[in-house]
Amino acid sequence: MNKVALRKLYKQKRKDLSVFQLEEFQEKIYEKIFELDFSSVKTIHIFLSIKRFSEINTGPIIDFLLLNKKVIVVSVSDFSTNKLKHFLFDNNTVIKVNSYGIPEPVNGIEIDVNKIDMVFVPLLISDEKKYRVGYGKGFYDRFLAECRTDVITIGLNFFQPIKEIVGLNKYDVALSEVIYPNS
């Protein structure tokens, strides 16, 4: 399937998950994340969950990383350029939901992408080669292209990867790893 068809299908599949399924899947994903070796990682970018899209709740992941003395970075979306700006996040960061339903920091210190060691990436579905389908605006494709070549990229997904995404282009970036409930 191509990205447009996959985006439509997996938005609906995610929407169809029950509250129980979402909670169960999230717990399995959290367990896998909490077992990762973060010893060589200092600065971690993570997305703030869009509730209306039933994205994984990244709050427990952020809490875990802060407890483990990691520097957390979150983004603000610039829809005029379809690019992300990145800001330090801590327990004092004020978050506001923008007009698109995306939670964003309103009082952070901007950080250069070259300081980021790891990125948790939102996605709708991925394939066996670790390519992803997102929401279609290219925010993360542009962001990942700006990152260091050694940045670790981890996709978080509720669904098992499919065989192949049809119609990939030169801007698509394969992830280092994809975590899903039954991985």
N, C-alpha and C. Protein backbone atom coordinates (compact mmCIF):
# COMPACT_ATOMS: atom_id res chain seq x y z
N MET A 1 0.83 -1.19 0.00
CA MET A 1 0.00 0.00 0.00
C MET A 1 0.87 1.25 0.00
N ASN A 2 0.34 2.31 -0.58
CA ASN A 2 1.07 3.57 -0.57
C ASN A 2 0.78 4.35 0.71
N LYS A 3 1.51 5.43 0.92
CA LYS A 3 1.41 6.18 2.16
C LYS A 3 0.02 6.76 2.40
N VAL A 4 -0.62 7.26 1.37
CA VAL A 4 -1.94 7.87 1.53
C VAL A 4 -2.95 6.83 2.04
N ALA A 5 -2.95 5.66 1.42
CA ALA A 5 -3.87 4.59 1.84
C ALA A 5 -3.53 4.08 3.24
N LEU A 6 -2.25 3.92 3.52
CA LEU A 6 -1.82 3.45 4.85
C LEU A 6 -2.18 4.47 5.93
N ARG A 7 -2.00 5.75 5.62
CA ARG A 7 -2.33 6.81 6.59
C ARG A 7 -3.81 6.73 6.96
N LYS A 8 -4.64 6.63 5.96
CA LYS A 8 -6.09 6.55 6.20
C LYS A 8 -6.44 5.29 7.00
N LEU A 9 -5.90 4.15 6.59
CA LEU A 9 -6.20 2.88 7.24
C LEU A 9 -5.75 2.87 8.70
N TYR A 10 -4.53 3.32 8.98
CA TYR A 10 -4.00 3.22 10.34
C TYR A 10 -4.50 4.33 11.25
N LYS A 11 -4.92 5.44 10.71
CA LYS A 11 -5.62 6.43 11.54
C LYS A 11 -6.91 5.80 12.06
N GLN A 12 -7.61 5.11 11.16
CA GLN A 12 -8.86 4.47 11.56
C GLN A 12 -8.61 3.32 12.53
N LYS A 13 -7.59 2.50 12.25
CA LYS A 13 -7.28 1.37 13.15
C LYS A 13 -6.96 1.89 14.55
N ARG A 14 -6.21 2.98 14.63
CA ARG A 14 -5.87 3.53 15.94
C ARG A 14 -7.14 4.07 16.62
N LYS A 15 -7.97 4.73 15.84
CA LYS A 15 -9.22 5.28 16.38
C LYS A 15 -10.13 4.17 16.92
N ASP A 16 -10.06 2.99 16.31
CA ASP A 16 -10.92 1.86 16.68
C ASP A 16 -10.42 1.11 17.92
N LEU A 17 -9.22 1.41 18.39
CA LEU A 17 -8.71 0.74 19.58
C LEU A 17 -9.53 1.16 20.80
N SER A 18 -9.86 0.20 21.63
CA SER A 18 -10.59 0.51 22.87
C SER A 18 -9.63 1.15 23.88
N VAL A 19 -10.19 1.77 24.89
CA VAL A 19 -9.38 2.34 25.96
C VAL A 19 -8.52 1.25 26.60
N PHE A 20 -9.10 0.08 26.79
CA PHE A 20 -8.35 -1.05 27.37
C PHE A 20 -7.18 -1.44 26.47
N GLN A 21 -7.42 -1.55 25.16
CA GLN A 21 -6.35 -1.91 24.23
C GLN A 21 -5.24 -0.86 24.25
N LEU A 22 -5.62 0.42 24.22
CA LEU A 22 -4.63 1.49 24.25
C LEU A 22 -3.76 1.40 25.50
N GLU A 23 -4.39 1.21 26.65
CA GLU A 23 -3.64 1.11 27.90
C GLU A 23 -2.73 -0.12 27.91
N GLU A 24 -3.24 -1.24 27.43
CA GLU A 24 -2.44 -2.47 27.39
C GLU A 24 -1.24 -2.30 26.45
N PHE A 25 -1.47 -1.76 25.26
CA PHE A 25 -0.39 -1.54 24.30
C PHE A 25 0.65 -0.57 24.85
N GLN A 26 0.18 0.52 25.48
CA GLN A 26 1.10 1.49 26.04
C GLN A 26 1.99 0.85 27.11
N GLU A 27 1.40 0.06 27.98
CA GLU A 27 2.19 -0.58 29.04
C GLU A 27 3.28 -1.47 28.46
N LYS A 28 2.96 -2.20 27.40
CA LYS A 28 3.96 -3.07 26.76
C LYS A 28 5.08 -2.24 26.13
N ILE A 29 4.71 -1.13 25.54
CA ILE A 29 5.72 -0.25 24.93
C ILE A 29 6.59 0.37 26.02
N TYR A 30 5.97 0.83 27.12
CA TYR A 30 6.74 1.40 28.22
C TYR A 30 7.76 0.39 28.74
N GLU A 31 7.34 -0.86 28.93
CA GLU A 31 8.25 -1.89 29.43
C GLU A 31 9.48 -2.01 28.53
N LYS A 32 9.26 -2.01 27.23
CA LYS A 32 10.38 -2.13 26.27
C LYS A 32 11.30 -0.92 26.34
N ILE A 33 10.71 0.27 26.47
CA ILE A 33 11.52 1.49 26.56
C ILE A 33 12.33 1.50 27.84
N PHE A 34 11.71 1.12 28.95
CA PHE A 34 12.38 1.17 30.24
C PHE A 34 13.53 0.16 30.31
N GLU A 35 13.57 -0.81 29.41
CA GLU A 35 14.65 -1.79 29.36
C GLU A 35 15.81 -1.35 28.45
N LEU A 36 15.63 -0.27 27.70
CA LEU A 36 16.68 0.19 26.79
C LEU A 36 17.90 0.69 27.57
N ASP A 37 19.05 0.60 26.93
CA ASP A 37 20.29 1.09 27.51
C ASP A 37 20.47 2.55 27.10
N PHE A 38 20.29 3.45 28.05
CA PHE A 38 20.42 4.89 27.80
C PHE A 38 21.78 5.43 28.25
N SER A 39 22.72 4.56 28.58
CA SER A 39 23.98 5.00 29.17
C SER A 39 24.79 5.92 28.26
N SER A 40 24.71 5.76 26.97
CA SER A 40 25.49 6.61 26.07
C SER A 40 24.67 7.78 25.52
N VAL A 41 23.47 7.96 26.06
CA VAL A 41 22.56 8.99 25.56
C VAL A 41 22.36 10.04 26.63
N LYS A 42 22.52 11.31 26.25
CA LYS A 42 22.32 12.40 27.21
C LYS A 42 21.05 13.19 26.89
N THR A 43 20.88 13.57 25.62
CA THR A 43 19.79 14.47 25.23
C THR A 43 18.82 13.73 24.32
N ILE A 44 17.56 13.72 24.74
CA ILE A 44 16.54 12.92 24.05
C ILE A 44 15.37 13.80 23.64
N HIS A 45 15.05 13.75 22.36
CA HIS A 45 13.87 14.44 21.85
C HIS A 45 12.69 13.47 21.92
N ILE A 46 11.56 13.95 22.41
CA ILE A 46 10.36 13.13 22.45
C ILE A 46 9.16 13.99 22.10
N PHE A 47 8.23 13.40 21.41
CA PHE A 47 7.02 14.14 21.03
C PHE A 47 6.05 14.17 22.20
N LEU A 48 5.28 15.23 22.27
CA LEU A 48 4.19 15.33 23.25
C LEU A 48 2.94 14.82 22.56
N SER A 49 2.24 13.93 23.20
CA SER A 49 1.12 13.20 22.59
C SER A 49 -0.05 14.09 22.20
N ILE A 50 -0.58 13.81 21.01
CA ILE A 50 -1.80 14.46 20.55
C ILE A 50 -2.95 13.55 20.95
N LYS A 51 -3.70 13.95 21.96
CA LYS A 51 -4.75 13.10 22.51
C LYS A 51 -5.83 12.74 21.50
N ARG A 52 -6.24 13.71 20.68
CA ARG A 52 -7.34 13.44 19.74
C ARG A 52 -6.95 12.41 18.67
N PHE A 53 -5.65 12.16 18.51
CA PHE A 53 -5.19 11.14 17.57
C PHE A 53 -4.87 9.83 18.26
N SER A 54 -5.16 9.74 19.56
CA SER A 54 -4.89 8.53 20.36
C SER A 54 -3.44 8.09 20.25
N GLU A 55 -2.53 9.07 20.26
CA GLU A 55 -1.10 8.72 20.26
C GLU A 55 -0.73 8.15 21.62
N ILE A 56 0.35 7.39 21.64
CA ILE A 56 0.85 6.86 22.91
C ILE A 56 1.09 8.03 23.87
N ASN A 57 0.70 7.85 25.11
CA ASN A 57 0.93 8.86 26.13
C ASN A 57 2.42 8.84 26.49
N THR A 58 3.14 9.87 26.07
CA THR A 58 4.58 9.91 26.32
C THR A 58 4.93 10.44 27.72
N GLY A 59 3.92 10.86 28.49
CA GLY A 59 4.18 11.37 29.83
C GLY A 59 4.99 10.43 30.70
N PRO A 60 4.61 9.14 30.81
CA PRO A 60 5.40 8.22 31.63
C PRO A 60 6.84 8.03 31.12
N ILE A 61 7.03 8.12 29.83
CA ILE A 61 8.38 8.00 29.25
C ILE A 61 9.21 9.21 29.67
N ILE A 62 8.61 10.39 29.56
CA ILE A 62 9.29 11.63 29.95
C ILE A 62 9.65 11.57 31.42
N ASP A 63 8.72 11.16 32.27
CA ASP A 63 8.99 11.06 33.71
C ASP A 63 10.15 10.11 33.98
N PHE A 64 10.16 8.96 33.30
CA PHE A 64 11.23 7.98 33.46
C PHE A 64 12.59 8.59 33.05
N LEU A 65 12.61 9.28 31.92
CA LEU A 65 13.86 9.86 31.43
C LEU A 65 14.36 10.97 32.35
N LEU A 66 13.45 11.79 32.85
CA LEU A 66 13.85 12.85 33.78
C LEU A 66 14.41 12.25 35.07
N LEU A 67 13.78 11.18 35.56
CA LEU A 67 14.29 10.50 36.76
C LEU A 67 15.69 9.94 36.54
N ASN A 68 15.98 9.60 35.29
CA ASN A 68 17.29 9.05 34.94
C ASN A 68 18.25 10.13 34.45
N LYS A 69 17.94 11.37 34.80
CA LYS A 69 18.82 12.53 34.56
C LYS A 69 19.13 12.79 33.09
N LYS A 70 18.16 12.50 32.22
CA LYS A 70 18.33 12.79 30.80
C LYS A 70 17.81 14.19 30.50
N VAL A 71 18.42 14.83 29.52
CA VAL A 71 17.97 16.14 29.05
C VAL A 71 16.87 15.87 28.02
N ILE A 72 15.70 16.47 28.25
CA ILE A 72 14.55 16.24 27.38
C ILE A 72 14.33 17.45 26.48
N VAL A 73 14.03 17.15 25.22
CA VAL A 73 13.75 18.18 24.22
C VAL A 73 12.38 17.87 23.60
N VAL A 74 11.56 18.92 23.46
CA VAL A 74 10.26 18.80 22.79
C VAL A 74 10.18 19.89 21.73
N SER A 75 9.18 19.82 20.88
CA SER A 75 9.15 20.72 19.73
C SER A 75 7.92 21.61 19.67
N VAL A 76 8.09 22.66 18.87
CA VAL A 76 7.00 23.53 18.46
C VAL A 76 6.93 23.41 16.94
N SER A 77 5.71 23.24 16.43
CA SER A 77 5.50 23.09 14.98
C SER A 77 5.29 24.45 14.34
N ASP A 78 6.04 24.70 13.27
CA ASP A 78 5.86 25.92 12.48
C ASP A 78 5.16 25.51 11.19
N PHE A 79 3.87 25.74 11.11
CA PHE A 79 3.09 25.30 9.95
C PHE A 79 3.33 26.16 8.72
N SER A 80 4.01 27.29 8.85
CA SER A 80 4.32 28.09 7.65
C SER A 80 5.49 27.48 6.89
N THR A 81 6.35 26.72 7.61
CA THR A 81 7.50 26.08 6.96
C THR A 81 7.46 24.56 7.05
N ASN A 82 6.50 24.02 7.83
CA ASN A 82 6.43 22.58 8.12
C ASN A 82 7.73 22.08 8.74
N LYS A 83 8.29 22.92 9.62
CA LYS A 83 9.50 22.55 10.34
C LYS A 83 9.24 22.61 11.84
N LEU A 84 10.09 21.93 12.59
CA LEU A 84 10.01 21.92 14.04
C LEU A 84 11.12 22.79 14.63
N LYS A 85 10.79 23.48 15.74
CA LYS A 85 11.80 24.15 16.55
C LYS A 85 11.86 23.37 17.85
N HIS A 86 13.03 23.25 18.43
CA HIS A 86 13.24 22.33 19.54
C HIS A 86 13.63 23.09 20.81
N PHE A 87 12.99 22.67 21.94
CA PHE A 87 13.16 23.38 23.20
C PHE A 87 13.41 22.40 24.34
N LEU A 88 14.26 22.83 25.29
CA LEU A 88 14.49 22.03 26.48
C LEU A 88 13.19 21.93 27.27
N PHE A 89 13.00 20.78 27.91
CA PHE A 89 11.79 20.51 28.68
C PHE A 89 12.19 20.04 30.07
N ASP A 90 11.52 20.56 31.09
CA ASP A 90 11.68 20.05 32.44
C ASP A 90 10.34 20.17 33.16
N ASN A 91 10.33 19.88 34.44
CA ASN A 91 9.06 19.90 35.19
C ASN A 91 8.46 21.29 35.31
N ASN A 92 9.22 22.34 34.99
CA ASN A 92 8.70 23.71 35.05
C ASN A 92 8.22 24.23 33.70
N THR A 93 8.35 23.42 32.67
CA THR A 93 7.94 23.85 31.33
C THR A 93 6.42 23.95 31.26
N VAL A 94 5.95 25.07 30.75
CA VAL A 94 4.51 25.27 30.56
C VAL A 94 4.15 24.76 29.17
N ILE A 95 3.12 23.92 29.13
CA ILE A 95 2.67 23.34 27.85
C ILE A 95 1.29 23.92 27.51
N LYS A 96 1.12 24.27 26.25
CA LYS A 96 -0.16 24.77 25.77
C LYS A 96 -0.50 24.01 24.49
N VAL A 97 -1.76 23.65 24.33
CA VAL A 97 -2.20 22.96 23.12
C VAL A 97 -2.48 24.01 22.05
N ASN A 98 -1.84 23.85 20.88
CA ASN A 98 -2.03 24.84 19.81
C ASN A 98 -3.36 24.59 19.07
N SER A 99 -3.63 25.39 18.08
CA SER A 99 -4.92 25.31 17.36
C SER A 99 -5.08 24.00 16.58
N TYR A 100 -4.00 23.26 16.38
CA TYR A 100 -4.06 21.97 15.70
C TYR A 100 -4.20 20.81 16.69
N GLY A 101 -4.25 21.13 17.98
CA GLY A 101 -4.37 20.09 19.01
C GLY A 101 -3.04 19.52 19.45
N ILE A 102 -1.94 20.19 19.09
CA ILE A 102 -0.60 19.70 19.42
C ILE A 102 -0.09 20.40 20.69
N PRO A 103 0.25 19.64 21.73
CA PRO A 103 0.83 20.27 22.92
C PRO A 103 2.24 20.77 22.62
N GLU A 104 2.52 22.01 23.05
CA GLU A 104 3.83 22.60 22.77
C GLU A 104 4.29 23.43 23.97
N PRO A 105 5.61 23.54 24.14
CA PRO A 105 6.13 24.37 25.23
C PRO A 105 5.97 25.85 24.89
N VAL A 106 5.69 26.65 25.91
CA VAL A 106 5.58 28.09 25.68
C VAL A 106 6.73 28.85 26.36
N ASN A 107 7.52 28.15 27.16
CA ASN A 107 8.60 28.84 27.89
C ASN A 107 9.87 28.01 27.92
N GLY A 108 10.36 27.61 26.78
CA GLY A 108 11.56 26.79 26.77
C GLY A 108 12.75 27.50 26.18
N ILE A 109 13.91 26.92 26.40
CA ILE A 109 15.15 27.42 25.80
C ILE A 109 15.37 26.62 24.52
N GLU A 110 15.51 27.32 23.39
CA GLU A 110 15.70 26.63 22.12
C GLU A 110 17.05 25.92 22.12
N ILE A 111 17.08 24.75 21.49
CA ILE A 111 18.29 23.92 21.46
C ILE A 111 18.60 23.53 20.00
N ASP A 112 19.86 23.43 19.70
CA ASP A 112 20.32 23.02 18.37
C ASP A 112 20.12 21.52 18.20
N VAL A 113 19.67 21.10 17.03
CA VAL A 113 19.42 19.67 16.79
C VAL A 113 20.69 18.83 16.92
N ASN A 114 21.84 19.41 16.72
CA ASN A 114 23.10 18.65 16.82
C ASN A 114 23.41 18.18 18.23
N LYS A 115 22.71 18.71 19.22
CA LYS A 115 22.90 18.28 20.61
C LYS A 115 22.05 17.06 20.95
N ILE A 116 21.15 16.67 20.05
CA ILE A 116 20.21 15.58 20.32
C ILE A 116 20.87 14.24 19.98
N ASP A 117 20.81 13.31 20.95
CA ASP A 117 21.40 11.98 20.78
C ASP A 117 20.39 10.92 20.36
N MET A 118 19.13 11.13 20.75
CA MET A 118 18.09 10.14 20.48
C MET A 118 16.78 10.88 20.20
N VAL A 119 15.98 10.31 19.29
CA VAL A 119 14.68 10.89 18.96
C VAL A 119 13.63 9.79 19.01
N PHE A 120 12.59 10.01 19.82
CA PHE A 120 11.41 9.15 19.78
C PHE A 120 10.47 9.75 18.74
N VAL A 121 10.09 8.94 17.76
CA VAL A 121 9.37 9.43 16.60
C VAL A 121 7.93 8.90 16.59
N PRO A 122 6.95 9.80 16.42
CA PRO A 122 5.57 9.32 16.28
C PRO A 122 5.36 8.76 14.88
N LEU A 123 4.44 7.82 14.77
CA LEU A 123 4.12 7.28 13.46
C LEU A 123 2.77 6.59 13.50
N LEU A 124 2.23 6.35 12.32
CA LEU A 124 0.97 5.60 12.21
C LEU A 124 1.26 4.13 11.94
N ILE A 125 2.23 3.87 11.08
CA ILE A 125 2.64 2.50 10.76
C ILE A 125 4.07 2.56 10.22
N SER A 126 4.77 1.45 10.34
CA SER A 126 6.11 1.32 9.79
C SER A 126 6.18 0.02 9.00
N ASP A 127 7.28 -0.14 8.27
CA ASP A 127 7.46 -1.40 7.55
C ASP A 127 8.67 -2.15 8.11
N GLU A 128 8.93 -3.31 7.54
CA GLU A 128 10.01 -4.16 8.04
C GLU A 128 11.39 -3.53 7.88
N LYS A 129 11.52 -2.55 6.98
CA LYS A 129 12.80 -1.87 6.79
C LYS A 129 12.90 -0.63 7.68
N LYS A 130 11.90 -0.43 8.54
CA LYS A 130 11.86 0.65 9.52
C LYS A 130 11.58 2.02 8.92
N TYR A 131 10.95 2.05 7.75
CA TYR A 131 10.42 3.30 7.22
C TYR A 131 9.06 3.52 7.84
N ARG A 132 8.63 4.77 7.91
CA ARG A 132 7.40 5.10 8.62
C ARG A 132 6.43 5.91 7.77
N VAL A 133 5.18 5.85 8.18
CA VAL A 133 4.16 6.74 7.66
C VAL A 133 3.70 7.59 8.83
N GLY A 134 3.81 8.91 8.66
CA GLY A 134 3.34 9.84 9.68
C GLY A 134 2.05 10.49 9.19
N TYR A 135 1.86 11.72 9.61
CA TYR A 135 0.62 12.42 9.26
C TYR A 135 0.67 13.13 7.91
N GLY A 136 1.84 13.13 7.25
CA GLY A 136 1.91 13.60 5.88
C GLY A 136 2.41 15.01 5.65
N LYS A 137 2.80 15.71 6.69
CA LYS A 137 3.30 17.09 6.51
C LYS A 137 4.82 17.15 6.39
N GLY A 138 5.51 16.06 6.71
CA GLY A 138 6.96 16.01 6.56
C GLY A 138 7.76 16.64 7.69
N PHE A 139 7.10 17.01 8.80
CA PHE A 139 7.82 17.63 9.92
C PHE A 139 8.99 16.77 10.38
N TYR A 140 8.73 15.49 10.63
CA TYR A 140 9.79 14.62 11.16
C TYR A 140 10.81 14.25 10.09
N ASP A 141 10.40 14.14 8.84
CA ASP A 141 11.38 13.87 7.78
C ASP A 141 12.39 15.01 7.71
N ARG A 142 11.90 16.26 7.76
CA ARG A 142 12.81 17.41 7.73
C ARG A 142 13.69 17.45 8.98
N PHE A 143 13.07 17.20 10.14
CA PHE A 143 13.81 17.21 11.40
C PHE A 143 14.92 16.15 11.40
N LEU A 144 14.57 14.92 11.05
CA LEU A 144 15.57 13.84 11.09
C LEU A 144 16.69 14.08 10.09
N ALA A 145 16.38 14.73 8.97
CA ALA A 145 17.42 15.06 7.98
C ALA A 145 18.42 16.07 8.53
N GLU A 146 17.99 16.88 9.51
CA GLU A 146 18.87 17.88 10.13
C GLU A 146 19.73 17.30 11.25
N CYS A 147 19.34 16.16 11.77
CA CYS A 147 20.04 15.56 12.91
C CYS A 147 21.40 15.00 12.51
N ARG A 148 22.24 14.76 13.52
CA ARG A 148 23.53 14.12 13.28
C ARG A 148 23.30 12.74 12.66
N THR A 149 24.28 12.25 11.92
CA THR A 149 24.13 10.94 11.29
C THR A 149 24.12 9.81 12.30
N ASP A 150 24.64 10.04 13.51
CA ASP A 150 24.66 8.99 14.52
C ASP A 150 23.49 9.07 15.51
N VAL A 151 22.52 9.94 15.25
CA VAL A 151 21.37 10.05 16.16
C VAL A 151 20.59 8.73 16.13
N ILE A 152 20.12 8.31 17.29
CA ILE A 152 19.32 7.08 17.39
C ILE A 152 17.86 7.48 17.25
N THR A 153 17.16 6.84 16.33
CA THR A 153 15.75 7.17 16.09
C THR A 153 14.89 5.96 16.41
N ILE A 154 13.91 6.17 17.29
CA ILE A 154 13.05 5.07 17.72
C ILE A 154 11.59 5.44 17.47
N GLY A 155 10.95 4.69 16.60
CA GLY A 155 9.53 4.90 16.34
C GLY A 155 8.69 4.18 17.38
N LEU A 156 7.59 4.80 17.78
CA LEU A 156 6.67 4.20 18.73
C LEU A 156 5.35 3.94 18.02
N ASN A 157 4.91 2.68 18.05
CA ASN A 157 3.75 2.30 17.25
C ASN A 157 2.91 1.26 17.98
N PHE A 158 1.62 1.33 17.80
CA PHE A 158 0.72 0.33 18.38
C PHE A 158 0.61 -0.92 17.52
N PHE A 159 1.04 -0.85 16.27
CA PHE A 159 0.82 -1.96 15.33
C PHE A 159 2.13 -2.55 14.83
N GLN A 160 2.08 -3.84 14.55
CA GLN A 160 3.23 -4.55 14.01
C GLN A 160 3.57 -3.99 12.63
N PRO A 161 4.85 -3.86 12.30
CA PRO A 161 5.23 -3.35 10.98
C PRO A 161 4.65 -4.21 9.85
N ILE A 162 4.34 -3.54 8.75
CA ILE A 162 3.87 -4.23 7.56
C ILE A 162 5.08 -4.61 6.72
N LYS A 163 4.86 -5.39 5.69
CA LYS A 163 5.95 -5.85 4.82
C LYS A 163 6.69 -4.68 4.17
N GLU A 164 5.91 -3.79 3.51
CA GLU A 164 6.57 -2.71 2.75
C GLU A 164 5.62 -1.53 2.56
N ILE A 165 6.19 -0.34 2.65
CA ILE A 165 5.47 0.89 2.30
C ILE A 165 5.82 1.21 0.86
N VAL A 166 4.81 1.34 0.02
CA VAL A 166 5.02 1.64 -1.40
C VAL A 166 5.09 3.15 -1.59
N GLY A 167 6.01 3.60 -2.44
CA GLY A 167 6.08 5.01 -2.79
C GLY A 167 6.99 5.84 -1.91
N LEU A 168 7.99 5.20 -1.31
CA LEU A 168 8.96 5.97 -0.53
C LEU A 168 9.73 6.91 -1.45
N ASN A 169 10.21 8.01 -0.89
CA ASN A 169 10.99 8.94 -1.70
C ASN A 169 12.30 9.28 -0.99
N LYS A 170 13.11 10.12 -1.62
CA LYS A 170 14.44 10.42 -1.09
C LYS A 170 14.41 11.12 0.27
N TYR A 171 13.26 11.68 0.66
CA TYR A 171 13.14 12.37 1.95
C TYR A 171 12.79 11.43 3.09
N ASP A 172 12.35 10.23 2.79
CA ASP A 172 12.01 9.26 3.83
C ASP A 172 13.28 8.74 4.48
N VAL A 173 13.25 8.67 5.80
CA VAL A 173 14.41 8.24 6.58
C VAL A 173 14.02 6.99 7.36
N ALA A 174 14.81 5.93 7.21
CA ALA A 174 14.57 4.72 8.00
C ALA A 174 14.96 4.99 9.45
N LEU A 175 14.19 4.43 10.37
CA LEU A 175 14.45 4.59 11.80
C LEU A 175 15.50 3.58 12.26
N SER A 176 16.12 3.83 13.39
CA SER A 176 17.07 2.88 13.97
C SER A 176 16.32 1.67 14.53
N GLU A 177 15.14 1.93 15.09
CA GLU A 177 14.37 0.89 15.76
C GLU A 177 12.90 1.31 15.79
N VAL A 178 12.02 0.32 15.82
CA VAL A 178 10.59 0.56 16.01
C VAL A 178 10.13 -0.29 17.19
N ILE A 179 9.49 0.35 18.15
CA ILE A 179 8.96 -0.38 19.30
C ILE A 179 7.44 -0.44 19.17
N TYR A 180 6.91 -1.64 19.29
CA TYR A 180 5.46 -1.86 19.27
C TYR A 180 5.16 -2.94 20.27
N PRO A 181 3.92 -3.10 20.67
CA PRO A 181 3.59 -3.99 21.80
C PRO A 181 4.12 -5.41 21.70
N ASN A 182 4.12 -5.99 20.52
CA ASN A 182 4.53 -7.39 20.41
C ASN A 182 5.90 -7.55 19.76
N SER A 183 6.74 -6.52 19.87
CA SER A 183 8.08 -6.62 19.25
C SER A 183 9.02 -7.43 20.11
